[in-house]
Each structure stands twice: as C-alpha cells, then as structure tokens.
N, C-alpha and C. Protein backbone atom coordinates (compact mmCIF):
# COMPACT_ATOMS: atom_id res chain seq x y z
N MET A 1 0.60 -1.26 0.03
CA MET A 1 -0.06 -0.11 0.02
C MET A 1 1.01 1.33 0.15
N ARG A 2 0.36 2.21 -0.50
CA ARG A 2 1.08 3.46 -0.69
C ARG A 2 0.96 4.30 0.74
N PRO A 3 1.89 4.84 1.36
CA PRO A 3 1.74 5.52 2.71
C PRO A 3 1.17 6.75 2.54
N PRO A 4 0.33 7.42 3.50
CA PRO A 4 -0.36 8.91 3.36
C PRO A 4 0.80 9.89 3.46
N ILE A 5 1.89 9.52 3.93
CA ILE A 5 2.86 10.74 3.93
C ILE A 5 4.17 10.34 3.61
N GLY A 6 5.25 11.00 3.01
CA GLY A 6 6.55 10.85 2.73
C GLY A 6 6.55 9.87 1.49
N THR A 7 7.74 9.77 1.09
CA THR A 7 8.02 8.98 -0.25
C THR A 7 8.44 7.73 -0.07
N PHE A 8 7.88 7.15 0.94
CA PHE A 8 8.31 5.82 1.09
C PHE A 8 7.62 4.85 -0.26
N GLU A 9 8.32 3.81 -0.46
CA GLU A 9 7.75 2.96 -1.39
C GLU A 9 6.44 2.22 -1.00
N HIS A 10 6.45 1.78 0.23
CA HIS A 10 5.56 0.80 0.52
C HIS A 10 5.02 1.13 2.07
N ALA A 11 4.12 0.70 2.36
CA ALA A 11 3.49 0.75 3.91
C ALA A 11 2.87 -0.63 4.05
N GLU A 12 2.93 -1.04 5.32
CA GLU A 12 1.84 -2.11 5.48
C GLU A 12 1.27 -2.04 7.20
N PRO A 13 0.28 -2.70 7.28
CA PRO A 13 -0.40 -2.53 8.60
C PRO A 13 0.73 -3.08 9.68
N ALA A 14 0.91 -2.22 10.72
CA ALA A 14 2.26 -2.67 11.38
C ALA A 14 2.06 -4.11 12.16
N ALA A 15 0.65 -4.20 12.67
CA ALA A 15 0.29 -5.42 13.18
C ALA A 15 0.56 -6.85 12.27
N GLU A 16 0.55 -6.48 11.06
CA GLU A 16 0.90 -7.63 10.14
C GLU A 16 2.59 -7.61 9.88
N SER A 17 3.29 -6.68 10.14
CA SER A 17 4.54 -6.58 9.56
C SER A 17 5.59 -7.32 10.29
N ASP A 18 6.33 -8.29 9.71
CA ASP A 18 7.33 -9.19 10.49
C ASP A 18 8.56 -8.16 10.86
N ALA A 19 8.73 -7.05 9.91
CA ALA A 19 9.90 -6.26 10.43
C ALA A 19 9.36 -5.50 11.93
N CYS A 20 8.30 -5.29 12.12
CA CYS A 20 7.87 -4.35 13.37
C CYS A 20 7.78 -5.48 14.50
N THR A 21 8.99 -5.07 15.27
CA THR A 21 9.18 -6.02 16.61
C THR A 21 9.06 -5.28 17.83
N GLY A 22 9.37 -6.16 19.09
CA GLY A 22 9.34 -5.68 20.37
C GLY A 22 8.45 -5.13 20.76
N PRO A 23 8.31 -4.10 21.83
CA PRO A 23 7.25 -3.56 22.66
C PRO A 23 6.29 -3.02 21.61
N ALA A 24 6.75 -2.34 20.68
CA ALA A 24 5.67 -1.50 19.77
C ALA A 24 5.02 -2.64 19.03
N ALA A 25 5.59 -3.65 18.58
CA ALA A 25 4.82 -4.61 17.85
C ALA A 25 3.63 -5.12 18.69
N GLU A 26 4.07 -5.65 20.11
CA GLU A 26 3.22 -6.10 20.95
C GLU A 26 1.84 -5.01 20.93
N ALA A 27 2.15 -4.07 21.24
CA ALA A 27 1.15 -3.09 21.32
C ALA A 27 0.27 -2.88 20.21
N VAL A 28 0.80 -2.97 18.98
CA VAL A 28 0.04 -2.89 17.74
C VAL A 28 -0.73 -4.10 17.50
N ARG A 29 -0.15 -5.16 18.03
CA ARG A 29 -1.01 -6.46 17.69
C ARG A 29 -2.10 -6.68 18.68
N ALA A 30 -1.97 -5.76 19.95
CA ALA A 30 -3.03 -6.01 20.91
C ALA A 30 -3.83 -4.73 20.82
N TRP A 31 -3.80 -3.87 19.80
CA TRP A 31 -4.44 -2.62 19.82
C TRP A 31 -5.80 -2.56 20.22
N SER A 32 -6.36 -1.65 20.87
CA SER A 32 -7.73 -1.62 21.16
C SER A 32 -8.18 0.22 21.34
N GLY A 33 -7.00 0.88 20.44
CA GLY A 33 -7.22 2.32 20.60
C GLY A 33 -8.44 3.05 19.89
N PRO A 34 -8.35 4.32 19.55
CA PRO A 34 -9.39 5.00 19.14
C PRO A 34 -9.59 5.03 17.77
N VAL A 35 -8.62 4.39 16.93
CA VAL A 35 -8.56 4.23 15.47
C VAL A 35 -8.43 2.69 15.07
N PRO A 36 -8.90 2.31 13.93
CA PRO A 36 -8.64 0.90 13.62
C PRO A 36 -7.07 0.56 13.56
N ALA A 37 -6.92 -0.68 13.90
CA ALA A 37 -5.46 -1.23 13.93
C ALA A 37 -4.94 -1.18 12.83
N ASP A 38 -5.68 -1.19 11.52
CA ASP A 38 -4.99 -1.05 10.29
C ASP A 38 -4.62 0.25 9.60
N GLN A 39 -4.81 1.28 10.57
CA GLN A 39 -4.37 2.57 10.54
C GLN A 39 -2.99 2.96 11.01
N LEU A 40 -2.49 1.68 11.82
CA LEU A 40 -1.27 1.91 12.20
C LEU A 40 -0.19 1.17 11.41
N LEU A 41 0.42 2.15 10.73
CA LEU A 41 1.30 1.72 9.58
C LEU A 41 2.65 1.44 9.80
N TYR A 42 3.61 0.61 9.41
CA TYR A 42 5.08 0.49 9.34
C TYR A 42 5.55 0.76 8.10
N VAL A 43 6.71 1.36 7.90
CA VAL A 43 7.39 1.54 6.73
C VAL A 43 8.75 1.25 7.02
N ASP A 44 9.57 0.39 6.25
CA ASP A 44 10.93 0.11 6.33
C ASP A 44 11.71 1.16 5.91
N THR A 45 12.82 1.68 6.78
CA THR A 45 13.56 2.76 6.56
C THR A 45 15.01 2.36 6.80
N ASP A 46 16.00 3.07 6.05
CA ASP A 46 17.70 3.11 6.52
C ASP A 46 17.85 3.42 7.83
N PRO A 47 18.52 2.56 8.77
CA PRO A 47 18.83 3.01 9.95
C PRO A 47 19.83 3.84 10.02
N GLU A 48 20.68 4.08 8.92
CA GLU A 48 21.66 4.96 8.82
C GLU A 48 21.45 6.53 8.66
N LYS A 49 19.84 6.61 8.17
CA LYS A 49 19.14 7.72 7.91
C LYS A 49 18.14 8.19 8.79
N ALA A 50 18.41 7.66 10.33
CA ALA A 50 17.13 7.78 11.07
C ALA A 50 17.24 9.22 11.76
N ASP A 51 18.32 9.68 11.75
CA ASP A 51 18.23 11.18 12.43
C ASP A 51 17.34 12.15 11.61
N THR A 52 16.77 12.82 12.27
CA THR A 52 15.75 13.65 11.82
C THR A 52 16.03 14.32 10.33
N GLU A 53 16.96 15.08 10.57
CA GLU A 53 17.35 16.02 9.45
C GLU A 53 17.56 15.11 8.34
N VAL A 54 18.38 14.17 8.29
CA VAL A 54 18.86 13.37 7.23
C VAL A 54 17.48 12.63 6.72
N PHE A 55 16.81 12.03 7.65
CA PHE A 55 15.57 11.27 7.13
C PHE A 55 14.77 12.20 6.52
N VAL A 56 14.45 13.36 6.91
CA VAL A 56 13.55 14.30 6.15
C VAL A 56 13.96 14.57 4.71
N ARG A 57 15.25 14.69 4.66
CA ARG A 57 15.85 14.94 3.27
C ARG A 57 15.81 13.78 2.30
N THR A 58 15.74 12.39 2.93
CA THR A 58 15.64 11.37 2.13
C THR A 58 14.29 10.95 1.91
N TYR A 59 13.31 11.23 2.80
CA TYR A 59 12.12 10.51 2.51
C TYR A 59 11.15 11.77 2.35
N GLY A 60 11.40 12.86 2.32
CA GLY A 60 10.15 13.75 2.03
C GLY A 60 10.32 15.08 2.97
N GLU A 61 10.47 16.31 2.42
CA GLU A 61 10.57 17.37 3.25
C GLU A 61 9.10 17.86 3.95
N GLU A 62 8.12 17.34 3.44
CA GLU A 62 6.76 17.54 4.16
C GLU A 62 6.79 16.53 5.49
N LEU A 63 7.72 15.80 5.60
CA LEU A 63 7.92 15.17 6.91
C LEU A 63 8.12 15.92 8.06
N TRP A 64 8.87 17.25 7.86
CA TRP A 64 9.12 18.19 8.83
C TRP A 64 7.86 18.40 9.87
N GLU A 65 6.97 18.61 8.82
CA GLU A 65 5.57 18.76 9.77
C GLU A 65 4.77 17.90 10.07
N ALA A 66 5.02 16.56 9.84
CA ALA A 66 4.12 15.27 10.08
C ALA A 66 5.06 14.38 10.81
N SER A 67 6.36 14.72 11.40
CA SER A 67 7.18 13.70 12.29
C SER A 67 6.97 14.29 13.68
N ALA A 68 7.21 13.44 14.51
CA ALA A 68 7.29 13.52 15.88
C ALA A 68 8.32 12.56 16.73
N ASN A 69 8.99 13.23 17.75
CA ASN A 69 9.94 12.60 18.46
C ASN A 69 9.27 12.16 19.82
N CYS A 70 9.67 11.05 20.25
CA CYS A 70 9.32 10.69 21.72
C CYS A 70 10.60 10.67 22.64
N VAL A 71 10.53 11.47 23.72
CA VAL A 71 11.53 11.71 24.36
C VAL A 71 11.21 11.05 25.76
N VAL A 72 12.16 10.27 26.56
CA VAL A 72 11.96 10.05 27.84
C VAL A 72 12.54 10.87 28.89
N VAL A 73 11.57 11.08 29.74
CA VAL A 73 12.30 12.08 30.76
C VAL A 73 12.10 11.55 32.23
N ALA A 74 12.82 12.14 33.24
CA ALA A 74 12.97 11.65 34.69
C ALA A 74 12.18 12.78 35.28
N ALA A 75 11.27 12.62 36.13
CA ALA A 75 10.70 13.63 37.05
C ALA A 75 10.96 13.24 38.40
N LYS A 76 11.31 14.45 39.14
CA LYS A 76 11.73 14.39 40.56
C LYS A 76 10.42 15.25 41.33
N ARG A 77 9.87 14.29 42.23
CA ARG A 77 8.68 14.72 43.01
C ARG A 77 8.95 14.13 44.43
N GLY A 78 9.13 15.40 45.46
CA GLY A 78 9.34 14.92 46.66
C GLY A 78 10.87 14.08 46.65
N GLY A 79 10.94 12.91 47.23
CA GLY A 79 12.14 12.12 47.19
C GLY A 79 12.06 10.98 46.18
N GLU A 80 10.99 11.02 45.54
CA GLU A 80 10.95 9.97 44.31
C GLU A 80 10.87 10.48 42.77
N ARG A 81 11.56 9.52 42.24
CA ARG A 81 11.81 9.73 40.76
C ARG A 81 11.03 8.95 39.92
N GLY A 82 10.50 9.33 38.92
CA GLY A 82 9.50 8.49 37.86
C GLY A 82 10.15 8.80 36.40
N LEU A 83 9.68 8.00 35.70
CA LEU A 83 9.81 8.24 34.25
C LEU A 83 8.41 8.52 33.50
N ALA A 84 8.75 9.46 32.44
CA ALA A 84 7.68 9.53 31.66
C ALA A 84 8.04 9.80 30.13
N ALA A 85 7.23 9.98 29.24
CA ALA A 85 7.52 10.19 27.95
C ALA A 85 6.83 11.41 27.42
N CYS A 86 7.42 12.17 26.46
CA CYS A 86 6.75 13.38 25.84
C CYS A 86 6.96 13.02 24.42
N VAL A 87 6.02 13.25 23.65
CA VAL A 87 5.79 13.35 22.19
C VAL A 87 5.69 14.84 21.56
N VAL A 88 6.57 15.20 20.99
CA VAL A 88 6.78 16.74 20.43
C VAL A 88 6.86 16.57 19.03
N PRO A 89 6.39 17.79 18.34
CA PRO A 89 6.85 17.77 16.74
C PRO A 89 8.35 17.86 16.67
N SER A 90 8.82 17.15 15.52
CA SER A 90 10.23 17.06 15.38
C SER A 90 11.05 18.15 15.18
N ALA A 91 10.46 19.20 14.76
CA ALA A 91 11.05 20.66 14.79
C ALA A 91 11.29 21.53 16.08
N THR A 92 10.72 20.75 17.18
CA THR A 92 10.58 21.41 18.39
C THR A 92 11.56 20.60 19.43
N ARG A 93 11.60 21.18 20.78
CA ARG A 93 12.03 20.58 21.72
C ARG A 93 11.11 20.38 22.75
N VAL A 94 11.51 19.35 23.87
CA VAL A 94 10.52 19.18 24.95
C VAL A 94 10.87 20.36 25.93
N ASP A 95 9.64 20.99 26.49
CA ASP A 95 9.66 22.28 27.32
C ASP A 95 9.77 21.36 28.67
N VAL A 96 10.89 20.91 28.98
CA VAL A 96 11.19 20.16 30.39
C VAL A 96 10.98 21.03 31.61
N ASN A 97 11.29 22.30 31.52
CA ASN A 97 11.33 23.14 32.61
C ASN A 97 10.07 23.55 32.80
N GLY A 98 9.19 23.69 31.77
CA GLY A 98 7.90 24.45 31.87
C GLY A 98 6.81 23.53 31.65
N ALA A 99 6.14 23.37 30.52
CA ALA A 99 5.14 22.52 30.44
C ALA A 99 5.10 21.19 30.93
N ALA A 100 6.15 20.36 30.68
CA ALA A 100 6.41 19.09 31.16
C ALA A 100 6.35 19.10 32.69
N ARG A 101 7.18 19.81 33.46
CA ARG A 101 7.38 19.80 34.86
C ARG A 101 6.05 20.11 35.51
N ARG A 102 5.37 21.30 35.16
CA ARG A 102 3.86 21.57 35.53
C ARG A 102 2.84 20.42 35.26
N GLN A 103 2.90 19.67 34.11
CA GLN A 103 2.09 18.71 33.99
C GLN A 103 2.20 17.45 34.84
N LEU A 104 3.54 17.09 34.91
CA LEU A 104 3.90 16.12 35.88
C LEU A 104 4.00 16.11 37.24
N GLY A 105 3.61 17.63 37.62
CA GLY A 105 3.63 18.09 39.04
C GLY A 105 4.96 17.77 39.62
N ALA A 106 6.08 18.04 39.08
CA ALA A 106 7.48 17.70 39.42
C ALA A 106 7.99 18.92 40.15
N ARG A 107 8.96 18.72 40.78
CA ARG A 107 9.87 19.72 41.24
C ARG A 107 10.96 20.03 40.31
N LYS A 108 11.51 18.92 39.54
CA LYS A 108 12.61 18.99 38.57
C LYS A 108 12.35 17.85 37.50
N VAL A 109 12.45 18.25 36.27
CA VAL A 109 12.32 17.24 35.08
C VAL A 109 13.62 17.37 34.29
N SER A 110 14.10 16.25 33.77
CA SER A 110 15.36 16.24 32.94
C SER A 110 15.28 15.12 32.01
N PHE A 111 16.02 15.26 30.88
CA PHE A 111 16.05 14.13 30.05
C PHE A 111 16.67 12.69 30.66
N ALA A 112 15.97 11.76 30.57
CA ALA A 112 16.57 10.42 31.22
C ALA A 112 17.74 9.93 30.37
N PRO A 113 18.69 9.50 31.26
CA PRO A 113 19.95 9.06 30.48
C PRO A 113 19.64 8.06 29.58
N ARG A 114 20.52 7.92 28.43
CA ARG A 114 20.29 7.06 27.24
C ARG A 114 19.88 5.55 27.87
N ASP A 115 21.01 5.20 28.68
CA ASP A 115 20.93 3.74 29.07
C ASP A 115 19.68 3.39 29.84
N LEU A 116 19.24 4.19 30.79
CA LEU A 116 18.02 4.12 31.47
C LEU A 116 16.84 4.18 30.50
N ALA A 117 16.68 5.01 29.56
CA ALA A 117 15.70 5.09 28.43
C ALA A 117 15.47 3.82 27.74
N VAL A 118 16.67 3.18 27.38
CA VAL A 118 16.70 2.03 26.57
C VAL A 118 16.29 0.97 27.36
N GLY A 119 16.92 0.77 28.62
CA GLY A 119 16.70 -0.26 29.37
C GLY A 119 15.14 -0.48 29.86
N GLU A 120 14.50 0.75 30.19
CA GLU A 120 13.35 0.64 30.54
C GLU A 120 12.00 0.46 29.56
N THR A 121 12.53 0.97 28.32
CA THR A 121 11.45 1.04 27.25
C THR A 121 11.73 -0.26 26.31
N GLY A 122 12.76 -0.97 26.52
CA GLY A 122 13.02 -2.10 25.62
C GLY A 122 13.13 -1.79 24.15
N MET A 123 13.53 -0.40 23.97
CA MET A 123 13.72 0.23 22.49
C MET A 123 14.98 0.56 22.41
N GLU A 124 15.18 0.78 21.04
CA GLU A 124 16.56 1.35 20.48
C GLU A 124 16.49 2.80 20.72
N TYR A 125 17.83 3.56 21.28
CA TYR A 125 17.96 4.74 21.33
C TYR A 125 17.79 5.34 19.75
N GLY A 126 16.90 6.43 19.58
CA GLY A 126 16.66 6.86 18.19
C GLY A 126 15.47 6.45 17.67
N GLY A 127 14.97 5.60 18.26
CA GLY A 127 13.97 4.96 17.73
C GLY A 127 12.57 4.57 18.62
N ILE A 128 12.85 5.32 19.91
CA ILE A 128 11.81 4.98 20.97
C ILE A 128 10.44 5.81 20.50
N THR A 129 9.45 5.10 20.79
CA THR A 129 8.27 5.64 20.35
C THR A 129 7.09 5.30 21.47
N PRO A 130 6.10 6.16 21.45
CA PRO A 130 5.06 6.11 22.56
C PRO A 130 4.22 4.78 22.42
N VAL A 131 4.15 4.19 21.32
CA VAL A 131 3.36 2.86 21.12
C VAL A 131 4.16 1.82 22.00
N GLY A 132 3.79 1.20 22.87
CA GLY A 132 4.40 0.05 23.41
C GLY A 132 5.27 0.58 24.91
N LEU A 133 4.96 1.74 25.17
CA LEU A 133 5.84 2.19 26.46
C LEU A 133 5.20 1.35 27.69
N PRO A 134 5.67 1.54 28.81
CA PRO A 134 5.12 0.90 30.00
C PRO A 134 3.81 1.60 30.33
N GLU A 135 2.66 0.81 30.47
CA GLU A 135 1.49 1.71 30.62
C GLU A 135 1.43 2.56 31.98
N ALA A 136 2.21 2.22 32.98
CA ALA A 136 2.22 3.14 34.18
C ALA A 136 2.96 4.43 34.07
N TRP A 137 3.59 4.80 32.90
CA TRP A 137 4.25 5.88 32.77
C TRP A 137 3.10 6.89 32.29
N PRO A 138 3.42 8.11 32.71
CA PRO A 138 2.41 9.16 31.98
C PRO A 138 3.37 9.54 30.79
N LEU A 139 2.24 9.92 29.79
CA LEU A 139 2.53 9.87 28.33
C LEU A 139 2.02 11.51 28.16
N LEU A 140 2.86 12.42 27.64
CA LEU A 140 2.46 13.76 27.33
C LEU A 140 2.61 13.90 25.81
N VAL A 141 1.43 14.08 25.25
CA VAL A 141 1.43 14.44 23.78
C VAL A 141 1.10 15.96 23.31
N ASP A 142 2.25 16.54 22.57
CA ASP A 142 1.95 17.85 22.24
C ASP A 142 0.61 17.81 21.55
N ALA A 143 -0.41 18.86 21.71
CA ALA A 143 -1.44 19.09 21.16
C ALA A 143 -1.17 19.36 19.32
N ALA A 144 -0.41 19.95 19.24
CA ALA A 144 0.08 20.07 17.46
C ALA A 144 0.22 18.53 17.08
N VAL A 145 0.82 17.81 17.75
CA VAL A 145 0.98 16.09 17.30
C VAL A 145 -0.33 15.42 17.29
N ALA A 146 -1.11 15.66 18.35
CA ALA A 146 -2.51 15.20 18.42
C ALA A 146 -3.27 15.38 17.40
N ASP A 147 -3.32 16.55 16.82
CA ASP A 147 -4.12 17.39 15.87
C ASP A 147 -3.86 16.93 14.30
N LEU A 148 -2.63 16.14 14.12
CA LEU A 148 -2.27 16.02 12.93
C LEU A 148 -2.93 14.76 12.27
N PRO A 149 -3.29 14.71 11.10
CA PRO A 149 -3.89 13.68 10.45
C PRO A 149 -3.23 12.10 10.44
N TRP A 150 -2.05 12.79 10.15
CA TRP A 150 -0.92 11.42 10.13
C TRP A 150 0.41 11.92 10.67
N VAL A 151 1.02 11.00 11.45
CA VAL A 151 2.18 11.46 12.31
C VAL A 151 3.22 10.26 12.09
N LEU A 152 4.39 10.72 11.79
CA LEU A 152 5.80 9.47 11.67
C LEU A 152 6.23 9.57 12.93
N ILE A 153 6.16 8.43 13.47
CA ILE A 153 7.26 8.31 14.65
C ILE A 153 8.00 7.01 14.66
N GLY A 154 9.03 6.94 15.89
CA GLY A 154 9.76 5.62 15.91
C GLY A 154 8.88 4.47 15.76
N SER A 155 9.66 3.64 15.57
CA SER A 155 9.09 1.90 15.75
C SER A 155 9.54 1.29 16.91
N GLY A 156 10.39 1.83 17.53
CA GLY A 156 11.18 0.93 18.73
C GLY A 156 12.49 0.77 18.32
N ARG A 157 12.72 0.70 17.03
CA ARG A 157 14.23 0.49 16.29
C ARG A 157 14.59 1.75 15.47
N ARG A 158 15.97 1.68 15.37
CA ARG A 158 16.20 2.93 14.45
C ARG A 158 15.82 2.58 12.95
N ARG A 159 15.77 1.19 12.47
CA ARG A 159 15.21 0.87 11.41
C ARG A 159 13.67 0.86 11.37
N GLY A 160 13.16 1.60 10.32
CA GLY A 160 11.49 1.35 10.21
C GLY A 160 11.14 2.56 11.02
N LYS A 161 9.93 3.06 10.71
CA LYS A 161 9.03 3.86 11.29
C LYS A 161 7.59 3.50 11.25
N LEU A 162 6.94 4.07 12.31
CA LEU A 162 5.21 4.02 12.35
C LEU A 162 4.69 5.26 11.88
N ILE A 163 3.60 5.14 11.10
CA ILE A 163 2.71 6.21 10.48
C ILE A 163 1.31 6.02 11.09
N VAL A 164 1.03 6.84 11.80
CA VAL A 164 -0.26 6.64 12.85
C VAL A 164 -1.03 7.94 12.70
N PRO A 165 -2.50 7.92 12.72
CA PRO A 165 -3.24 9.21 13.22
C PRO A 165 -2.80 9.83 14.50
N GLY A 166 -2.64 11.12 14.42
CA GLY A 166 -2.41 11.85 15.66
C GLY A 166 -3.37 11.40 16.74
N LYS A 167 -4.67 11.25 16.46
CA LYS A 167 -5.57 11.00 17.63
C LYS A 167 -5.34 9.47 18.23
N ALA A 168 -4.56 8.82 17.43
CA ALA A 168 -4.19 7.43 17.90
C ALA A 168 -3.23 7.58 19.29
N LEU A 169 -2.22 8.68 18.94
CA LEU A 169 -1.13 9.00 20.15
C LEU A 169 -2.03 9.52 21.31
N ALA A 170 -3.06 10.09 20.99
CA ALA A 170 -3.81 11.02 22.19
C ALA A 170 -4.50 9.93 22.86
N GLY A 171 -4.82 8.83 22.39
CA GLY A 171 -5.65 7.53 22.99
C GLY A 171 -4.94 6.62 23.51
N LEU A 172 -3.50 6.60 23.61
CA LEU A 172 -2.51 5.56 24.08
C LEU A 172 -2.76 5.84 25.78
N PRO A 173 -2.48 4.46 26.19
CA PRO A 173 -2.71 4.38 27.84
C PRO A 173 -1.86 5.53 28.41
N GLY A 174 -2.38 6.17 29.39
CA GLY A 174 -1.57 7.22 30.09
C GLY A 174 -1.56 8.45 29.62
N ALA A 175 -1.86 8.60 28.16
CA ALA A 175 -1.76 9.80 27.62
C ALA A 175 -2.44 11.11 28.14
N THR A 176 -1.85 12.13 27.89
CA THR A 176 -2.39 13.73 28.24
C THR A 176 -2.15 14.53 27.15
N VAL A 177 -2.92 15.14 26.59
CA VAL A 177 -2.47 16.14 25.29
C VAL A 177 -2.43 17.55 26.18
N VAL A 178 -1.21 18.01 25.69
CA VAL A 178 -0.61 19.28 26.31
C VAL A 178 -0.26 20.40 25.37
N GLU A 179 -0.91 21.52 25.54
CA GLU A 179 -0.69 22.59 24.75
C GLU A 179 0.75 23.17 24.93
N GLY A 180 1.54 23.47 24.02
CA GLY A 180 3.02 23.97 24.24
C GLY A 180 3.79 23.21 24.85
N LEU A 181 3.82 21.76 24.85
CA LEU A 181 5.07 20.99 25.32
C LEU A 181 6.05 21.10 24.44
N GLY A 182 6.02 21.31 23.16
CA GLY A 182 7.15 21.40 22.22
C GLY A 182 7.44 22.80 22.00
N VAL A 183 8.59 23.24 22.15
CA VAL A 183 8.91 24.70 21.91
C VAL A 183 10.02 24.88 20.91
N ARG A 184 10.17 26.07 20.09
CA ARG A 184 11.28 26.11 19.20
C ARG A 184 12.47 26.76 20.00
C-alpha cells in the first residue's frame, strides 16, 4: 500500500509486519485504541538515515511538519523519581522546565539518561516510540501532534517508522494532550 505521507515505496499495517518487533509490535498487535488497527502503518527505512534532518531530506520534506519525537524524561517529586515520555513535533524540543514539569507535578524534570531510557523501554535509542511504552508511565502528547491527520514516529528501532493518526497517540494508555509541550 502507498503510505499517506512521505516518499516511502511501501507501507503495511504494523500488526501484520514481520519487521515491526519488540514492545511496539506487541502493542499494535493488541491494539484497542481510538482508530482501527489497520491505520497503524509500518514503513521500512534505512537506519543510517534515522536522524531527523537526514531522514526528512531522504524521505520527503513534508515530514518536517508530520513527524514527532518521543523523549523519555525523569521527573523528581518529593524524594521520588519517575519516568515519563513526551511526544513533540520533530522541529521542536520538549519544554522540560515548563510544560512538562507542570503537567507532571514535579519539582525537576530532565532528560533520562540514554541507558535508562533504552533499558526501561526495551527500545533502541533513536527509535523510541510512544506505542508500547510501559502503561504505568505518564505520556504527554503535544496538542500539535495529536491534531495531525498522520504522524511519523519511531518504531522502537532505528530501522523503520510508524505512521499513525495523531488521535491514536492521544488515545494511548496514560496519555495527556498538552498545549505548548514542544517549543522552538
């Protein structure tokens, strides 16, 4: 099938793709979200071109406006530390000291160390996706992402991406839509 965004040659329902693996694959195969499971698409991509700027130049400039990054953050509240994920447009960065901190009710929020993010998600760094994250985690989704008809996000690996409706991300377990989570 032809994907709805980008210049990819082929897309397939993620739940049917042998290339979609790990926690993201488990989540799409057990999908019961706000959109039909066949709208969660997988596209195969070159892992050497996974970084956003190179990726967009390779697979279509319109992806600047249609792609999002999932960032794992560590929030400190009282004496406790917890993990959360933030999904923001790729052309922005997570407002950790403002919107994320307020929404999580934390004293301090910082980017989680790479090893911790990879270990806790079971996903590759540079491919972390909100689909298949631990259900107990808070998931903050920028309103601009939730409003997109189609969003390109990681697949849990540097090879391959998911293309999903923005409202699918807003309907994930633990998700809260936040205005201004991503800032330029």
